[in-house]
N, C-alpha and C. Protein backbone atom coordinates (compact mmCIF):
# COMPACT_ATOMS: atom_id res chain seq x y z
N MET A 1 104.61 86.64 126.99
CA MET A 1 103.96 87.20 125.93
C MET A 1 104.95 87.11 124.64
N THR A 2 106.28 87.49 125.02
CA THR A 2 107.60 87.28 123.75
C THR A 2 107.33 86.22 123.16
N LEU A 3 107.19 84.72 124.16
CA LEU A 3 107.46 83.42 123.56
C LEU A 3 106.18 83.20 122.60
N PHE A 4 105.05 84.26 122.98
CA PHE A 4 103.79 83.84 121.95
C PHE A 4 103.71 84.56 120.84
N LYS A 5 104.25 85.42 121.14
CA LYS A 5 104.82 86.28 119.39
C LYS A 5 105.79 85.69 118.56
N VAL A 6 106.80 85.06 119.42
CA VAL A 6 107.74 84.22 118.28
C VAL A 6 106.84 82.98 117.90
N LEU A 7 105.77 82.36 118.27
CA LEU A 7 105.12 81.02 118.27
C LEU A 7 104.18 81.75 117.26
N LEU A 8 103.50 83.12 117.47
CA LEU A 8 103.01 83.64 116.07
C LEU A 8 103.57 84.14 114.87
N LEU A 9 104.82 84.49 114.96
CA LEU A 9 105.70 84.37 113.86
C LEU A 9 106.23 83.14 112.95
N LEU A 10 106.54 82.29 114.51
CA LEU A 10 106.81 81.08 113.64
C LEU A 10 105.47 80.64 112.37
N PHE A 11 103.97 80.81 112.92
CA PHE A 11 103.17 80.29 112.28
C PHE A 11 103.16 81.30 111.16
N LEU A 12 103.44 81.98 111.16
CA LEU A 12 103.37 83.26 109.87
C LEU A 12 104.29 82.24 108.51
N ILE A 13 105.57 82.09 109.46
CA ILE A 13 106.27 81.38 108.44
C ILE A 13 106.09 80.22 107.77
N ALA A 14 105.41 79.50 108.57
CA ALA A 14 104.75 78.48 108.27
C ALA A 14 103.49 78.60 106.97
N CYS A 15 102.44 79.18 107.55
CA CYS A 15 101.64 79.33 106.65
C CYS A 15 102.37 80.07 105.80
N ALA A 16 102.98 81.12 104.97
CA ALA A 16 103.86 81.60 103.74
C ALA A 16 104.02 80.23 102.96
N ALA A 17 104.93 79.24 103.64
CA ALA A 17 105.46 78.42 103.29
C ALA A 17 103.92 77.35 102.55
N ALA A 18 103.33 77.08 102.73
CA ALA A 18 101.91 76.40 102.71
C ALA A 18 101.42 76.90 101.72
N VAL A 19 101.37 78.13 101.63
CA VAL A 19 100.11 78.64 100.42
C VAL A 19 101.23 79.18 99.31
N SER A 20 102.55 78.66 99.39
CA SER A 20 103.56 78.64 98.10
C SER A 20 103.50 77.11 98.13
N LEU A 21 103.73 76.03 98.73
CA LEU A 21 103.62 74.87 98.48
C LEU A 21 102.32 73.93 97.91
N THR A 22 101.24 75.16 98.27
CA THR A 22 99.99 73.92 98.01
C THR A 22 99.49 74.09 97.32
N ARG A 23 99.24 73.07 96.01
CA ARG A 23 98.56 72.95 94.52
C ARG A 23 96.96 73.17 94.37
N ARG A 24 96.58 73.29 95.48
CA ARG A 24 95.10 73.44 95.47
C ARG A 24 94.55 74.86 95.81
N LEU A 25 93.52 75.67 95.68
CA LEU A 25 93.42 76.59 95.57
C LEU A 25 92.13 77.43 97.07
N LEU A 26 91.91 76.52 96.54
CA LEU A 26 91.08 76.46 98.17
C LEU A 26 91.14 76.20 99.45
N PRO A 27 92.05 75.53 99.57
CA PRO A 27 93.23 75.39 100.90
C PRO A 27 94.25 76.48 101.01
N ALA A 28 94.95 76.78 99.72
CA ALA A 28 95.52 78.30 99.66
C ALA A 28 94.89 79.49 100.44
N ILE A 29 93.88 79.61 99.91
CA ILE A 29 93.11 80.61 99.95
C ILE A 29 92.61 80.61 101.52
N ILE A 30 92.13 79.84 102.48
CA ILE A 30 92.20 79.34 103.73
C ILE A 30 93.18 79.15 104.31
N ILE A 31 94.37 79.16 104.37
CA ILE A 31 95.87 79.37 104.62
C ILE A 31 96.17 80.97 104.70
N PHE A 32 95.49 81.79 103.16
CA PHE A 32 96.42 82.85 103.48
C PHE A 32 95.03 83.80 104.27
N MET A 33 93.98 83.39 104.44
CA MET A 33 92.90 83.64 105.64
C MET A 33 93.17 83.74 106.56
N SER A 34 93.76 82.58 107.22
CA SER A 34 94.71 82.61 108.93
C SER A 34 95.82 83.09 108.68
N TYR A 35 96.42 83.45 108.11
CA TYR A 35 97.50 84.32 107.80
C TYR A 35 97.43 85.54 108.20
N SER A 36 96.52 86.21 107.31
CA SER A 36 96.21 87.65 107.88
C SER A 36 95.61 87.76 109.40
N LEU A 37 94.75 86.77 109.54
CA LEU A 37 94.11 86.94 110.85
C LEU A 37 95.18 87.08 112.07
N VAL A 38 96.14 85.84 111.89
CA VAL A 38 97.39 85.83 112.41
C VAL A 38 97.87 87.30 112.53
N MET A 39 98.28 87.83 111.24
CA MET A 39 99.19 88.66 111.35
C MET A 39 98.00 90.17 111.99
N SER A 40 96.89 90.02 111.84
CA SER A 40 96.36 91.02 112.60
C SER A 40 96.55 90.79 113.72
N LEU A 41 95.86 89.93 114.49
CA LEU A 41 96.96 89.32 116.06
C LEU A 41 98.32 90.25 116.68
N LEU A 42 98.77 89.95 115.46
CA LEU A 42 100.41 90.54 115.74
C LEU A 42 100.67 91.86 116.37
N TRP A 43 99.62 92.77 114.67
CA TRP A 43 99.45 93.92 114.89
C TRP A 43 99.18 94.44 115.98
N ALA A 44 97.90 93.61 116.45
CA ALA A 44 97.11 94.32 117.58
C ALA A 44 98.40 94.02 119.38
N LEU A 45 99.00 93.28 119.14
CA LEU A 45 100.45 92.89 120.25
C LEU A 45 101.08 93.71 120.40
N LEU A 46 101.60 94.29 118.61
CA LEU A 46 102.16 95.11 118.83
C LEU A 46 101.92 96.80 119.10
N GLU A 47 100.67 96.92 120.10
CA GLU A 47 99.73 97.97 119.82
C GLU A 47 99.70 98.59 118.41
N ALA A 48 99.13 98.52 117.50
CA ALA A 48 98.76 98.93 116.21
C ALA A 48 97.32 98.96 116.15
N PRO A 49 96.42 99.24 116.58
CA PRO A 49 95.25 98.50 117.14
C PRO A 49 94.51 99.32 115.08
N ASP A 50 95.20 100.05 114.72
CA ASP A 50 94.39 100.71 113.26
C ASP A 50 94.88 99.59 112.24
N LEU A 51 95.97 99.54 112.45
CA LEU A 51 96.96 98.32 111.63
C LEU A 51 96.01 97.06 111.86
N ALA A 52 95.14 96.17 112.22
CA ALA A 52 95.49 95.38 113.46
C ALA A 52 93.62 95.12 112.52
N VAL A 53 93.18 96.35 112.56
CA VAL A 53 91.77 96.23 112.08
C VAL A 53 92.07 96.78 110.60
N THR A 54 92.77 97.21 109.96
CA THR A 54 92.97 97.14 108.42
C THR A 54 93.15 95.52 107.91
N GLU A 55 93.98 94.86 108.70
CA GLU A 55 94.66 93.56 108.42
C GLU A 55 93.27 92.56 108.54
N ALA A 56 92.38 92.73 109.26
CA ALA A 56 91.75 91.88 109.89
C ALA A 56 90.69 92.12 108.50
N ALA A 57 90.14 93.72 108.27
CA ALA A 57 89.19 93.95 107.28
C ALA A 57 89.18 93.36 105.87
N VAL A 58 90.47 94.15 105.83
CA VAL A 58 91.19 94.07 104.18
C VAL A 58 91.59 92.37 103.98
N GLY A 59 92.59 91.81 104.81
CA GLY A 59 93.16 90.79 104.56
C GLY A 59 92.40 90.02 104.73
N ALA A 60 91.83 89.27 105.35
CA ALA A 60 90.92 88.40 106.35
C ALA A 60 89.70 88.74 105.65
N GLY A 61 88.87 89.63 105.46
CA GLY A 61 87.68 90.06 104.92
C GLY A 61 87.48 89.82 103.67
N ILE A 62 87.83 91.66 103.13
CA ILE A 62 87.50 91.28 101.49
C ILE A 62 89.08 90.82 100.98
N THR A 63 89.84 90.46 100.77
CA THR A 63 90.59 90.16 99.58
C THR A 63 90.04 88.38 99.67
N SER A 64 89.70 87.78 100.96
CA SER A 64 89.39 86.37 101.15
C SER A 64 88.14 85.80 100.16
N VAL A 65 87.38 86.92 100.47
CA VAL A 65 85.68 86.81 99.58
C VAL A 65 86.32 86.92 98.46
N LEU A 66 87.06 88.00 98.43
CA LEU A 66 87.23 87.93 96.64
C LEU A 66 88.01 86.97 95.65
N PHE A 67 88.82 86.12 96.38
CA PHE A 67 89.48 84.91 96.16
C PHE A 67 88.07 83.91 95.99
N PHE A 68 87.35 83.96 97.15
CA PHE A 68 86.40 82.59 97.08
C PHE A 68 85.37 82.70 95.48
N LEU A 69 85.03 84.20 95.25
CA LEU A 69 84.41 84.51 94.22
C LEU A 69 85.21 84.26 93.29
N ALA A 70 86.45 84.77 93.14
CA ALA A 70 87.24 84.28 92.01
C ALA A 70 87.46 82.55 91.41
N LEU A 71 87.66 82.00 92.75
CA LEU A 71 87.45 80.52 92.54
C LEU A 71 86.34 79.82 92.18
N LYS A 72 85.01 80.45 92.53
CA LYS A 72 83.75 79.63 92.16
C LYS A 72 83.98 80.34 90.59
N ARG A 73 83.92 81.59 90.13
CA ARG A 73 83.79 81.72 88.94
C ARG A 73 84.71 80.81 88.06
N VAL A 74 86.45 80.41 88.29
CA VAL A 74 86.70 79.88 87.94
C VAL A 74 86.23 78.29 87.61
N ARG A 75 86.00 78.07 88.82
CA ARG A 75 85.04 76.47 88.95
C ARG A 75 84.10 76.32 87.45
N ALA A 76 83.37 77.56 87.75
CA ALA A 76 82.36 77.68 86.62
C ALA A 76 83.08 77.43 85.37
N LEU A 77 83.95 78.43 85.05
CA LEU A 77 84.06 78.30 83.54
C LEU A 77 84.59 76.93 83.20
N ARG A 78 85.45 76.22 83.67
CA ARG A 78 85.64 74.93 83.70
C ARG A 78 84.79 73.95 83.41
N GLY A 79 83.70 74.20 84.11
CA GLY A 79 82.76 73.66 84.20
C GLY A 79 81.66 73.64 82.80
N GLU A 80 82.09 74.62 82.06
CA GLU A 80 81.32 75.02 80.99
C GLU A 80 82.30 74.81 80.16
N GLU A 81 83.52 74.46 80.07
CA GLU A 81 84.65 74.08 79.07
C GLU A 81 84.39 72.47 79.20
N ASN A 82 84.11 71.55 80.09
CA ASN A 82 83.63 70.50 79.51
C ASN A 82 82.81 69.69 78.80
N GLU A 83 81.62 70.92 79.32
CA GLU A 83 80.40 70.40 78.68
C GLU A 83 80.65 70.20 77.03
N PRO A 84 79.76 69.07 77.09
CA PRO A 84 79.88 68.67 75.05
C PRO A 84 79.19 69.99 74.36
N PRO A 85 79.92 70.06 73.02
CA PRO A 85 79.42 71.31 72.17
C PRO A 85 77.80 70.83 71.60
N GLU A 86 76.77 71.88 71.32
CA GLU A 86 75.62 71.41 71.04
C GLU A 86 75.55 71.25 69.15
């Protein structure tokens, strides 16, 4: 079980680095969502189910949905800017 926890922690470090280094927004959101899911799994393994549920709901759920909606809105604004004026 300890090896599994260490692997999850290494995955968390890799996700944090990947979010920082990626240039595109959609992959960054997906990596952040996977980071939150792994973090909630770690909380469950550390016998903190209240934190695990909160991390899964807020980190991977609500925050990711808000990021996707913001990305959609940013792309819509960019599309309006690229249209020729009438």
